[in-house]
């Protein structure tokens, strides 16, 4: 393949030399009487140099001899013969051949050096990029793209034990133009082979590509280690969530179940005659505890849907004041809530069920954080092309650097005690984002925390 490339380059240099010598002769022949022999020989160096650049030393040497013959035939008396009647002209022609040959060889050597330098630059650039690039899932694909683009290939693939682990370009057809094996001793990924389909490459390029295969082996090993580290992080996160879930559920399940068990056991005592008021109170305890269990299960299911990415939202035009009223109506302790949501606000584009859950969860968290006699404010306003609903409390607040913890599952505000799994804000943010909205915390003037829900309008005004 290398010889074929050299042959093509030689033919190109020959064509350039023939065309250049023919053109030079055609231009200079009408001016023969006005030009000195030295000037003519210098001008004939131009096509010889062009042949050296295009085809290398051999076409240039042949061009130098042909130019010497043309100068002798057309510009040295007697014309149209190869006879030279002056010793001085003989010296000029001999010196011309020597100079042309020397210049042609020098040009060819310089061209080879430039090509080698270009190849070394490509190799250094590729190896530097590989060394600096982090191990990400598409690292091998990026490497193969760089190899393909740098060497003008159509398709490049990396094989491990005859199995393609990465490929760029169309599905190859036929035998590869290049197949380079890597050194398995340099990595824990033996049997790696780089195959490329496209034009032939030089022997120096084969050495470069062999080093790139070794670099690809290291990159694949780094990617494997990165994948293992990511799996380890995922397992650690799963273990953390599992421990948090068990701790939270262990407490929050036990309390309502114990209340239900105590109330039902009391009602079933055969030797106790309960008055209607006491029976109603015990039944109320059962109902409230059951509601707590239902809320707990619903929250767990909501978080599982959010983490699995299977939550579906059905945004449609809804009245913000109606959704807020419904959420407040079903929130315990709503006597400490002040609502300021005008009924003439534009309709919001939201899922009414999800939005109600968001408002209810934020309201419940705000009431928990507020002092016993405090008030939680719900304020709805038009904010440009979106609606903003603010849930404002005057509790202890939370430093800005800790606010991301608010939205982590099983995380209660400021890690304070209390009931609930600490899922309310995690669910609120997940539901809000599922509807195309944004939930952001900020400081309440005078102390406390403000949670702002921003949702799009049903129809842009």
Protein backbone atom coordinates (compact mmCIF):
# COMPACT_ATOMS: atom_id res chain seq x y z
CA UNK A 1 0.00 0.00 0.00
CA UNK A 2 2.90 2.30 0.76
CA UNK A 3 4.48 1.48 -2.65
CA UNK A 4 1.19 2.20 -4.39
CA UNK A 5 1.12 5.62 -2.77
CA UNK A 6 4.67 6.31 -3.86
CA UNK A 7 3.85 5.28 -7.44
CA UNK A 8 0.87 7.63 -7.53
CA UNK A 9 3.00 10.44 -6.19
CA UNK A 10 5.70 9.69 -8.80
CA UNK A 11 3.19 9.85 -11.62
CA UNK A 12 1.87 13.13 -10.28
CA UNK A 13 5.38 14.59 -10.22
CA UNK A 14 5.99 13.37 -13.76
CA UNK A 15 2.81 15.00 -15.04
CA UNK A 16 3.67 18.25 -13.26
CA UNK A 17 7.22 18.17 -14.69
CA UNK A 18 6.09 17.49 -18.27
CA UNK A 19 3.42 20.17 -18.14
CA UNK A 20 5.80 22.68 -16.55
CA UNK A 21 8.63 22.08 -19.00
CA UNK A 22 6.26 22.25 -21.98
CA UNK A 23 4.73 25.48 -20.76
CA UNK A 24 8.10 27.05 -19.97
CA UNK A 25 9.43 26.15 -23.42
CA UNK A 26 6.35 27.58 -25.11
CA UNK A 27 6.68 30.85 -23.20
CA UNK A 28 10.45 31.30 -23.56
CA UNK A 29 10.92 30.24 -27.18
CA UNK A 30 9.57 33.49 -28.74
CA UNK A 31 11.91 35.43 -26.42
CA UNK A 32 15.01 33.40 -27.28
CA UNK A 33 16.91 36.33 -28.76
CA UNK A 34 16.37 38.56 -25.71
CA UNK A 35 17.38 36.11 -22.96
CA UNK A 36 20.79 34.99 -21.78
CA UNK A 37 21.55 31.30 -21.39
CA UNK A 38 21.96 31.73 -17.62
CA UNK A 39 18.54 33.39 -17.37
CA UNK A 40 16.92 30.59 -19.38
CA UNK A 41 18.45 27.88 -17.17
CA UNK A 42 17.24 29.65 -14.04
CA UNK A 43 13.70 29.82 -15.39
CA UNK A 44 13.78 26.10 -16.20
CA UNK A 45 14.46 25.42 -12.52
CA UNK A 46 10.85 26.37 -11.74
CA UNK A 47 9.15 23.29 -13.30
CA UNK A 48 11.90 21.08 -11.88
CA UNK A 49 11.16 22.37 -8.37
CA UNK A 50 7.42 21.89 -8.96
CA UNK A 51 8.05 18.26 -9.97
CA UNK A 52 10.15 17.76 -6.81
CA UNK A 53 7.38 19.11 -4.58
CA UNK A 54 4.65 17.06 -6.29
CA UNK A 55 6.47 13.77 -6.92
CA UNK A 56 9.74 13.63 -5.03
CA UNK A 57 13.35 13.33 -6.10
CA UNK A 58 13.12 10.93 -9.06
CA UNK A 59 10.61 12.89 -11.15
CA UNK A 60 12.61 16.04 -10.39
CA UNK A 61 15.91 14.44 -11.51
CA UNK A 62 14.26 13.25 -14.70
CA UNK A 63 12.86 16.76 -15.17
CA UNK A 64 16.33 18.27 -14.68
CA UNK A 65 17.79 16.08 -17.42
CA UNK A 66 14.82 16.84 -19.71
CA UNK A 67 15.20 20.58 -19.03
CA UNK A 68 18.91 20.40 -19.81
CA UNK A 69 18.10 18.72 -23.14
CA UNK A 70 15.42 21.31 -23.96
CA UNK A 71 17.78 24.20 -23.18
CA UNK A 72 20.47 22.63 -25.37
CA UNK A 73 18.02 21.89 -28.21
CA UNK A 74 16.18 25.22 -28.31
CA UNK A 75 18.44 27.84 -26.73
CA UNK A 76 22.10 26.81 -27.38
CA UNK A 77 23.52 27.43 -30.88
CA UNK A 78 23.40 25.63 -33.17
CA UNK A 79 19.65 25.41 -32.54
CA UNK A 80 17.55 22.25 -32.91
CA UNK A 81 20.56 20.01 -32.31
CA UNK A 82 22.22 18.60 -29.21
CA UNK A 83 25.63 19.79 -30.36
CA UNK A 84 27.31 22.45 -28.18
CA UNK A 85 29.88 24.59 -30.00
CA UNK A 86 31.08 26.57 -26.99
CA UNK A 87 32.93 25.17 -23.94
CA UNK A 88 31.25 27.86 -21.84
CA UNK A 89 27.82 26.60 -22.78
CA UNK A 90 28.90 23.07 -21.85
CA UNK A 91 29.85 24.32 -18.40
CA UNK A 92 26.51 26.11 -18.04
CA UNK A 93 24.54 22.98 -18.98
CA UNK A 94 26.56 20.70 -16.67
CA UNK A 95 26.30 23.13 -13.77
CA UNK A 96 22.55 23.45 -14.43
CA UNK A 97 22.06 19.69 -14.14
CA UNK A 98 24.05 19.56 -10.91
CA UNK A 99 22.24 22.53 -9.39
CA UNK A 100 18.81 21.25 -10.45
CA UNK A 101 19.54 17.78 -9.06
CA UNK A 102 20.81 19.22 -5.76
CA UNK A 103 17.80 21.51 -5.38
CA UNK A 104 15.39 18.70 -6.28
CA UNK A 105 16.88 16.37 -3.64
CA UNK A 106 16.85 19.17 -1.05
CA UNK A 107 13.19 19.95 -1.77
CA UNK A 108 12.25 16.27 -1.53
CA UNK A 109 14.10 15.87 1.77
CA UNK A 110 12.43 18.98 3.15
CA UNK A 111 9.02 17.70 2.03
CA UNK A 112 9.65 14.36 3.75
CA UNK A 113 10.71 16.17 6.93
CA UNK A 114 7.57 18.30 6.83
CA UNK A 115 5.39 15.23 6.36
CA UNK A 116 7.13 13.45 9.23
CA UNK A 117 6.73 16.53 11.42
CA UNK A 118 3.05 16.72 10.51
CA UNK A 119 2.57 13.06 11.40
CA UNK A 120 4.39 13.54 14.70
CA UNK A 121 2.22 16.58 15.42
CA UNK A 122 -0.93 14.58 14.72
CA UNK A 123 0.31 11.75 16.93
CA UNK A 124 1.28 14.11 19.76
CA UNK A 125 -2.05 15.91 19.54
CA UNK A 126 -4.06 12.70 19.58
CA UNK A 127 -2.08 11.21 22.46
CA UNK A 128 -2.33 14.47 24.42
CA UNK A 129 -6.08 14.62 23.90
CA UNK A 130 -6.44 10.99 24.96
CA UNK A 131 -4.35 11.55 28.08
CA UNK A 132 -6.23 14.70 29.09
CA UNK A 133 -9.75 13.46 28.30
CA UNK A 134 -11.76 12.03 31.22
CA UNK A 135 -13.02 8.47 31.07
CA UNK A 136 -16.64 8.91 29.97
CA UNK A 137 -18.94 6.43 28.20
CA UNK A 138 -18.17 7.83 24.71
CA UNK A 139 -14.38 8.20 25.19
CA UNK A 140 -13.54 5.36 22.79
CA UNK A 141 -15.96 6.68 20.17
CA UNK A 142 -14.36 10.12 20.41
CA UNK A 143 -10.90 8.57 20.00
CA UNK A 144 -11.96 6.63 16.90
CA UNK A 145 -13.53 9.77 15.39
CA UNK A 146 -10.23 11.61 15.85
CA UNK A 147 -8.30 8.77 14.23
CA UNK A 148 -10.77 8.67 11.31
CA UNK A 149 -10.63 12.44 10.75
CA UNK A 150 -6.84 12.69 11.18
CA UNK A 151 -6.04 9.92 8.68
CA UNK A 152 -8.92 10.47 6.23
CA UNK A 153 -10.50 7.06 6.85
CA UNK A 154 -14.15 6.18 6.16
CA UNK A 155 -14.64 3.74 9.06
CA UNK A 156 -12.58 2.89 12.13
CA UNK A 157 -13.35 0.12 14.62
CA UNK A 158 -11.75 -1.18 17.80
CA UNK A 159 -11.91 -4.94 18.35
CA UNK A 160 -11.39 -6.88 21.55
CA UNK A 161 -11.00 -10.63 21.03
CA UNK A 162 -12.56 -10.25 17.53
CA UNK A 163 -15.59 -8.45 18.98
CA UNK A 164 -16.17 -4.82 18.00
CA UNK A 165 -16.33 -2.71 21.16
CA UNK A 166 -16.55 0.65 19.36
CA UNK A 167 -16.96 1.82 15.78
CA UNK A 168 -17.42 5.07 13.86
CA UNK A 169 -18.46 5.50 10.26
CA UNK A 170 -20.64 3.29 8.05
CA UNK A 171 -20.62 -0.47 8.40
CA UNK A 172 -17.39 -1.51 6.64
CA UNK A 173 -17.41 -3.71 3.57
CA UNK A 174 -14.44 -5.87 2.70
CA UNK A 175 -11.02 -6.17 4.26
CA UNK A 176 -9.65 -3.19 6.21
CA UNK A 177 -6.93 -1.09 4.67
CA UNK A 178 -5.16 -1.15 8.02
CA UNK A 179 -5.18 -3.55 10.96
CA UNK A 180 -2.94 -2.83 13.96
CA UNK A 181 -2.65 -5.00 17.07
CA UNK A 182 -2.09 -3.48 20.50
CA UNK A 183 0.29 -4.65 23.17
CA UNK A 184 -1.78 -6.48 25.75
CA UNK A 185 1.02 -6.22 28.28
CA UNK A 186 0.47 -2.48 28.57
CA UNK A 187 -3.04 -2.96 29.91
CA UNK A 188 -5.46 -5.36 31.50
CA UNK A 189 -7.35 -5.32 28.17
CA UNK A 190 -5.43 -7.82 25.97
CA UNK A 191 -6.27 -8.69 22.39
CA UNK A 192 -7.15 -5.18 21.31
CA UNK A 193 -6.98 -4.45 17.56
CA UNK A 194 -7.60 -1.27 15.57
CA UNK A 195 -8.98 -1.68 12.04
CA UNK A 196 -9.50 1.13 9.55
CA UNK A 197 -11.13 1.25 6.14
CA UNK A 198 -10.00 3.91 3.69
CA UNK A 199 -6.85 5.01 1.82
CA UNK A 200 -3.45 3.45 2.37
CA UNK A 201 -1.19 4.88 5.07
CA UNK A 202 2.57 5.27 5.40
CA UNK A 203 4.71 2.97 7.47
CA UNK A 204 5.29 5.79 9.97
CA UNK A 205 1.53 6.10 10.41
CA UNK A 206 1.35 2.41 11.29
CA UNK A 207 3.72 3.04 14.19
CA UNK A 208 1.60 5.96 15.34
CA UNK A 209 -1.59 3.93 15.15
CA UNK A 210 0.03 1.10 17.11
CA UNK A 211 0.73 3.58 19.91
CA UNK A 212 -2.85 4.79 19.65
CA UNK A 213 -4.08 1.22 20.12
CA UNK A 214 -2.08 1.01 23.34
CA UNK A 215 -3.58 4.34 24.41
CA UNK A 216 -7.05 3.03 23.55
CA UNK A 217 -6.39 -0.01 25.73
CA UNK A 218 -5.51 2.25 28.64
CA UNK A 219 -8.58 4.37 27.93
CA UNK A 220 -10.81 1.29 27.90
CA UNK A 221 -9.30 0.14 31.19
CA UNK A 222 -9.87 3.59 32.71
CA UNK A 223 -13.44 3.52 31.44
CA UNK A 224 -13.98 0.11 33.03
CA UNK A 225 -12.62 1.40 36.34
CA UNK A 226 -14.80 4.51 36.08
CA UNK A 227 -17.86 2.33 35.43
CA UNK A 228 -17.05 0.22 38.47
CA UNK A 229 -16.60 3.36 40.59
CA UNK A 230 -19.96 4.70 39.33
CA UNK A 231 -21.64 1.41 40.20
CA UNK A 232 -20.05 1.54 43.63
CA UNK A 233 -21.37 5.09 44.14
CA UNK A 234 -24.83 3.98 43.02
CA UNK A 235 -24.75 1.06 45.44
CA UNK A 236 -23.63 3.36 48.25
CA UNK A 237 -26.49 5.75 47.44
CA UNK A 238 -28.94 2.85 47.39
CA UNK A 239 -27.64 1.66 50.76
CA UNK A 240 -27.96 5.17 52.16
CA UNK A 241 -31.53 5.50 50.91
CA UNK A 242 -32.38 2.02 52.16
CA UNK A 243 -31.05 2.85 55.63
CA UNK A 244 -32.88 6.18 55.66
CA UNK A 245 -36.07 4.51 54.48
CA UNK A 246 -35.88 1.82 57.13
CA UNK A 247 -35.18 4.35 59.87
CA UNK A 248 -37.97 6.67 58.77
CA UNK A 249 -40.54 4.01 58.02
CA UNK A 250 -39.68 2.14 61.19
CA UNK A 251 -40.73 5.21 63.20
CA UNK A 252 -43.56 6.55 61.07
CA UNK A 253 -45.23 3.19 60.56
CA UNK A 254 -44.96 2.17 64.17
CA UNK A 255 -46.75 5.23 65.58
CA UNK A 256 -50.04 5.07 63.59
CA UNK A 257 -50.08 1.27 63.72
CA UNK A 258 -49.68 1.36 67.49
CA UNK A 259 -52.51 3.91 67.76
CA UNK A 260 -54.79 1.81 65.55
CA UNK A 261 -53.94 -1.35 67.48
CA UNK A 262 -54.61 0.31 70.84
CA UNK A 263 -57.92 1.86 69.71
CA UNK A 264 -59.24 -1.34 68.12
CA UNK A 265 -58.14 -3.48 71.08
CA UNK A 266 -59.90 -1.08 73.45
CA UNK A 267 -63.10 -1.18 71.41
CA UNK A 268 -63.09 -4.97 71.37
CA UNK A 269 -62.78 -5.40 75.17
CA UNK A 270 -65.93 -7.34 76.15
CA UNK A 271 -65.93 -6.15 79.74
CA UNK A 272 -65.98 -2.43 78.94
CA UNK A 273 -69.15 -0.56 78.07
CA UNK A 274 -68.00 2.46 76.07
CA UNK A 275 -70.09 5.59 76.09
CA UNK A 276 -70.77 7.07 72.62
CA UNK A 277 -68.32 9.92 73.14
CA UNK A 278 -65.41 7.60 74.03
CA UNK A 279 -66.26 5.22 71.16
CA UNK A 280 -66.31 8.15 68.73
CA UNK A 281 -62.93 9.35 69.99
CA UNK A 282 -61.36 5.90 69.54
CA UNK A 283 -62.83 5.59 66.03
CA UNK A 284 -61.50 9.06 65.24
CA UNK A 285 -58.05 7.89 66.35
CA UNK A 286 -58.30 4.90 64.01
CA UNK A 287 -59.37 7.15 61.13
CA UNK A 288 -56.60 9.70 61.68
CA UNK A 289 -53.93 7.01 62.01
CA UNK A 290 -55.20 5.30 58.87
CA UNK A 291 -55.04 8.60 57.00
CA UNK A 292 -51.44 8.98 58.10
CA UNK A 293 -50.63 5.51 56.78
CA UNK A 294 -52.34 6.28 53.48
CA UNK A 295 -50.35 9.52 53.13
CA UNK A 296 -47.14 7.67 53.95
CA UNK A 297 -47.76 5.01 51.31
CA UNK A 298 -48.77 7.61 48.72
CA UNK A 299 -45.58 9.56 49.35
CA UNK A 300 -43.44 6.46 49.02
CA UNK A 301 -45.15 5.53 45.76
CA UNK A 302 -44.72 9.09 44.46
CA UNK A 303 -41.00 9.09 45.24
CA UNK A 304 -40.56 5.70 43.60
CA UNK A 305 -42.29 6.96 40.43
CA UNK A 306 -40.12 10.08 40.41
CA UNK A 307 -36.89 8.10 40.82
CA UNK A 308 -37.97 5.63 38.12
CA UNK A 309 -38.88 8.47 35.73
CA UNK A 310 -42.38 7.10 35.11
CA UNK A 311 -44.40 9.97 36.56
CA UNK A 312 -46.91 11.24 33.99
CA UNK A 313 -48.40 14.73 34.09
CA UNK A 314 -51.51 15.98 32.31
CA UNK A 315 -51.10 19.78 32.09
CA UNK A 316 -54.26 21.68 31.21
CA UNK A 317 -55.73 25.13 31.98
CA UNK A 318 -56.56 25.38 35.69
CA UNK A 319 -57.53 28.20 38.03
CA UNK A 320 -54.77 28.72 40.58
CA UNK A 321 -57.14 29.98 43.29
CA UNK A 322 -59.30 26.84 43.03
CA UNK A 323 -56.31 24.52 43.35
CA UNK A 324 -54.98 26.45 46.35
CA UNK A 325 -58.40 26.43 48.04
CA UNK A 326 -58.65 22.65 47.61
CA UNK A 327 -55.15 22.13 49.03
CA UNK A 328 -55.83 24.36 52.05
CA UNK A 329 -59.16 22.62 52.70
CA UNK A 330 -57.46 19.25 53.13
CA UNK A 331 -54.52 20.50 55.22
CA UNK A 332 -54.63 20.02 59.00
CA UNK A 333 -53.98 23.21 60.96
CA UNK A 334 -55.29 25.41 58.17
CA UNK A 335 -56.52 27.99 60.70
CA UNK A 336 -53.01 29.46 60.62
CA UNK A 337 -53.06 30.00 56.85
CA UNK A 338 -53.74 33.28 55.05
CA UNK A 339 -54.51 33.05 51.34
CA UNK A 340 -53.97 35.91 48.90
CA UNK A 341 -54.54 34.42 45.46
CA UNK A 342 -56.72 36.70 43.29
CA UNK A 343 -59.47 34.95 41.36
CA UNK A 344 -58.82 37.08 38.26
CA UNK A 345 -55.35 35.63 37.61
CA UNK A 346 -54.84 34.03 34.18
CA UNK A 347 -55.26 30.27 34.01
CA UNK A 348 -52.17 28.18 34.73
CA UNK A 349 -51.00 25.30 32.55
CA UNK A 350 -50.64 22.52 35.12
CA UNK A 351 -51.87 19.12 36.22
CA UNK A 352 -54.46 20.02 38.89
CA UNK A 353 -53.89 16.86 40.94
CA UNK A 354 -50.10 17.22 40.98
CA UNK A 355 -50.29 20.95 41.65
CA UNK A 356 -52.63 20.38 44.60
CA UNK A 357 -50.17 17.85 46.05
CA UNK A 358 -47.33 20.34 45.61
CA UNK A 359 -49.21 23.12 47.39
CA UNK A 360 -50.38 20.76 50.15
CA UNK A 361 -46.85 19.45 50.78
CA UNK A 362 -45.34 22.94 50.85
CA UNK A 363 -48.10 24.14 53.14
CA UNK A 364 -47.62 21.21 55.52
CA UNK A 365 -43.86 21.85 55.70
CA UNK A 366 -44.42 25.58 56.25
CA UNK A 367 -46.88 24.91 59.09
CA UNK A 368 -44.42 22.49 60.69
CA UNK A 369 -41.60 25.04 60.50
CA UNK A 370 -43.72 27.94 61.79
CA UNK A 371 -44.06 28.74 65.51
CA UNK A 372 -47.35 27.62 67.19
CA UNK A 373 -48.98 31.02 66.84
CA UNK A 374 -47.38 31.82 63.50
CA UNK A 375 -49.12 32.35 60.18
CA UNK A 376 -48.32 30.91 56.77
CA UNK A 377 -49.10 33.12 53.78
CA UNK A 378 -50.05 31.89 50.30
CA UNK A 379 -49.54 34.61 47.68
CA UNK A 380 -50.33 34.22 43.99
CA UNK A 381 -49.09 36.75 41.44
CA UNK A 382 -48.58 37.15 37.70
CA UNK A 383 -44.84 37.13 36.94
CA UNK A 384 -44.33 38.03 33.27
CA UNK A 385 -45.47 35.07 31.18
CA UNK A 386 -45.72 32.78 34.21
CA UNK A 387 -47.61 32.51 37.49
CA UNK A 388 -45.80 32.56 40.81
CA UNK A 389 -47.27 31.08 44.00
CA UNK A 390 -45.31 31.83 47.18
CA UNK A 391 -45.66 29.81 50.38
CA UNK A 392 -44.24 32.07 53.09
CA UNK A 393 -43.46 31.00 56.66
CA UNK A 394 -41.79 32.86 59.51
CA UNK A 395 -39.97 29.94 61.08
CA UNK A 396 -36.24 29.60 61.73
CA UNK A 397 -35.39 29.52 58.01
CA UNK A 398 -32.38 27.71 56.62
CA UNK A 399 -28.92 28.92 55.45
CA UNK A 400 -28.55 29.14 51.68
CA UNK A 401 -25.72 26.58 51.59
CA UNK A 402 -28.01 23.93 53.12
CA UNK A 403 -31.06 24.46 50.95
CA UNK A 404 -30.29 21.68 48.49
CA UNK A 405 -30.76 19.27 51.39
CA UNK A 406 -34.41 20.33 51.56
CA UNK A 407 -35.19 18.39 48.41
CA UNK A 408 -33.36 15.16 49.30
CA UNK A 409 -35.64 12.21 50.13
CA UNK A 410 -36.00 11.38 53.84
CA UNK A 411 -34.56 14.77 54.81
CA UNK A 412 -36.54 16.84 57.32
CA UNK A 413 -36.13 20.59 57.65
CA UNK A 414 -32.93 21.26 59.58
CA UNK A 415 -33.06 17.59 60.68
CA UNK A 416 -35.52 18.50 63.40
CA UNK A 417 -37.69 15.85 64.94
CA UNK A 418 -41.29 15.37 64.02
CA UNK A 419 -43.52 13.09 62.07
CA UNK A 420 -43.34 12.40 58.38
CA UNK A 421 -40.77 10.75 56.18
CA UNK A 422 -39.22 13.98 54.97
CA UNK A 423 -40.50 13.37 51.45
CA UNK A 424 -42.76 16.39 51.06
CA UNK A 425 -40.28 18.77 49.45
CA UNK A 426 -38.69 16.05 47.31
CA UNK A 427 -42.14 15.21 45.93
CA UNK A 428 -43.03 18.90 45.54
CA UNK A 429 -39.97 19.63 43.40
CA UNK A 430 -40.40 16.46 41.33
CA UNK A 431 -44.07 17.15 40.64
CA UNK A 432 -43.39 20.81 39.82
CA UNK A 433 -40.67 19.96 37.31
CA UNK A 434 -42.89 17.26 35.76
CA UNK A 435 -45.41 20.02 34.95
CA UNK A 436 -42.75 22.28 33.43
CA UNK A 437 -42.49 24.51 36.50
CA UNK A 438 -39.73 25.50 38.90
CA UNK A 439 -39.62 25.35 42.71
CA UNK A 440 -37.09 27.64 44.40
CA UNK A 441 -36.42 28.47 48.07
CA UNK A 442 -35.53 31.95 49.32
CA UNK A 443 -35.35 33.94 52.56
CA UNK A 444 -38.50 35.46 54.03
CA UNK A 445 -37.98 39.12 54.96
CA UNK A 446 -37.81 39.25 58.74
CA UNK A 447 -36.89 35.57 59.04
CA UNK A 448 -38.24 32.33 57.68
CA UNK A 449 -38.35 30.49 54.39
CA UNK A 450 -40.30 31.22 51.21
CA UNK A 451 -40.96 28.50 48.64
CA UNK A 452 -41.93 29.84 45.20
CA UNK A 453 -43.71 27.73 42.59
CA UNK A 454 -43.37 29.18 39.08
CA UNK A 455 -45.60 27.62 36.43
CA UNK A 456 -46.40 28.61 32.82
CA UNK A 457 -49.60 30.29 31.72
CA UNK A 458 -52.20 28.31 29.82
CA UNK A 459 -52.30 31.04 27.13
CA UNK A 460 -49.47 33.54 26.75
CA UNK A 461 -50.72 37.08 27.17
